[in-house]
């Protein structure tokens, strides 16, 4: 009985590093990352047809979280959205106020 217990403990100690030493699967995470949340927010802006907010969110994602799994997709989406339109330049009051 004592030998069986000692063998069981020895086997557990030998196998313990193999049980714990692995990287977690990102698809099995329980919490979202900041990049995940920003991507979801940009998708929400897209469905609301709010291109400026979507563009700003994607640009923030790429700038602050370049290693995010969504950063390459955000760069691609930004290239499709085109350059940002400045609200000051497009308003009629802005052109009248400038000399």
Protein backbone atom coordinates (compact mmCIF):
# COMPACT_ATOMS: atom_id res chain seq x y z
CA UNK A 1 0.00 0.00 0.00
CA UNK A 2 2.82 2.37 0.91
CA UNK A 3 4.66 1.55 -2.32
CA UNK A 4 1.55 2.30 -4.40
CA UNK A 5 1.12 5.67 -2.70
CA UNK A 6 4.80 6.53 -3.20
CA UNK A 7 4.61 5.51 -6.86
CA UNK A 8 1.49 7.59 -7.35
CA UNK A 9 3.09 10.66 -5.79
CA UNK A 10 6.28 10.19 -7.81
CA UNK A 11 4.30 9.86 -11.04
CA UNK A 12 2.29 12.98 -10.22
CA UNK A 13 5.46 15.00 -9.61
CA UNK A 14 7.04 13.80 -12.85
CA UNK A 15 3.98 14.60 -14.97
CA UNK A 16 3.10 17.95 -13.32
CA UNK A 17 5.28 20.12 -15.60
CA UNK A 18 3.71 18.55 -18.67
CA UNK A 19 0.22 19.29 -17.41
CA UNK A 20 0.82 22.97 -16.68
CA UNK A 21 3.28 24.07 -19.35
CA UNK A 22 1.14 25.17 -22.28
CA UNK A 23 -0.10 28.38 -23.81
CA UNK A 24 -3.83 28.96 -23.51
CA UNK A 25 -5.86 28.79 -26.71
CA UNK A 26 -7.00 32.34 -27.56
CA UNK A 27 -10.32 30.96 -28.82
CA UNK A 28 -11.05 29.54 -25.36
CA UNK A 29 -10.51 32.80 -23.43
CA UNK A 30 -13.11 33.77 -20.88
CA UNK A 31 -12.53 37.53 -21.12
CA UNK A 32 -12.29 39.89 -24.07
CA UNK A 33 -9.14 41.87 -24.69
CA UNK A 34 -9.15 45.59 -25.39
CA UNK A 35 -8.59 44.82 -29.07
CA UNK A 36 -11.64 42.53 -29.08
CA UNK A 37 -13.79 45.24 -27.51
CA UNK A 38 -12.59 47.93 -29.92
CA UNK A 39 -13.22 45.69 -32.92
CA UNK A 40 -16.74 44.95 -31.69
CA UNK A 41 -17.33 48.66 -31.12
CA UNK A 42 -16.17 49.49 -34.66
CA UNK A 43 -18.51 46.82 -36.03
CA UNK A 44 -21.34 48.39 -34.05
CA UNK A 45 -20.54 51.80 -35.57
CA UNK A 46 -20.48 50.18 -39.02
CA UNK A 47 -23.99 48.75 -38.59
CA UNK A 48 -25.17 52.21 -37.45
CA UNK A 49 -23.62 53.77 -40.60
CA UNK A 50 -21.36 55.95 -38.45
CA UNK A 51 -18.22 55.89 -40.58
CA UNK A 52 -16.32 58.56 -38.69
CA UNK A 53 -16.73 56.79 -35.36
CA UNK A 54 -15.81 53.47 -36.98
CA UNK A 55 -12.70 55.00 -38.56
CA UNK A 56 -11.62 56.63 -35.27
CA UNK A 57 -12.13 53.39 -33.35
CA UNK A 58 -10.16 51.33 -35.87
CA UNK A 59 -7.34 53.90 -35.93
CA UNK A 60 -7.18 53.80 -32.12
CA UNK A 61 -7.08 49.99 -32.18
CA UNK A 62 -4.18 49.97 -34.66
CA UNK A 63 -2.27 52.71 -32.80
CA UNK A 64 -2.67 51.47 -29.22
CA UNK A 65 -2.92 47.69 -29.75
CA UNK A 66 -0.77 46.83 -32.79
CA UNK A 67 -0.28 43.24 -31.61
CA UNK A 68 -4.02 42.60 -31.33
CA UNK A 69 -5.36 39.80 -33.47
CA UNK A 70 -7.71 42.38 -35.02
CA UNK A 71 -4.99 44.91 -35.93
CA UNK A 72 -4.40 43.51 -39.46
CA UNK A 73 -8.15 43.45 -40.16
CA UNK A 74 -8.48 46.98 -38.77
CA UNK A 75 -5.72 48.22 -41.10
CA UNK A 76 -7.45 46.56 -44.04
CA UNK A 77 -10.80 48.10 -43.09
CA UNK A 78 -9.20 51.53 -42.72
CA UNK A 79 -7.78 51.26 -46.23
CA UNK A 80 -11.29 50.55 -47.55
CA UNK A 81 -12.83 53.43 -45.60
CA UNK A 82 -10.47 55.98 -47.12
CA UNK A 83 -9.14 59.16 -45.53
CA UNK A 84 -10.98 60.84 -42.68
CA UNK A 85 -13.15 63.82 -43.49
CA UNK A 86 -12.62 66.77 -41.19
CA UNK A 87 -15.89 68.23 -39.92
CA UNK A 88 -14.45 71.77 -39.81
CA UNK A 89 -13.54 71.72 -43.49
CA UNK A 90 -16.90 70.43 -44.65
CA UNK A 91 -19.14 72.83 -42.69
CA UNK A 92 -20.31 76.00 -44.46
CA UNK A 93 -19.47 78.14 -41.42
CA UNK A 94 -15.83 77.10 -41.56
CA UNK A 95 -15.31 78.39 -45.11
CA UNK A 96 -17.10 81.68 -44.33
CA UNK A 97 -15.00 82.26 -41.19
CA UNK A 98 -11.65 81.87 -42.92
CA UNK A 99 -10.15 85.05 -44.53
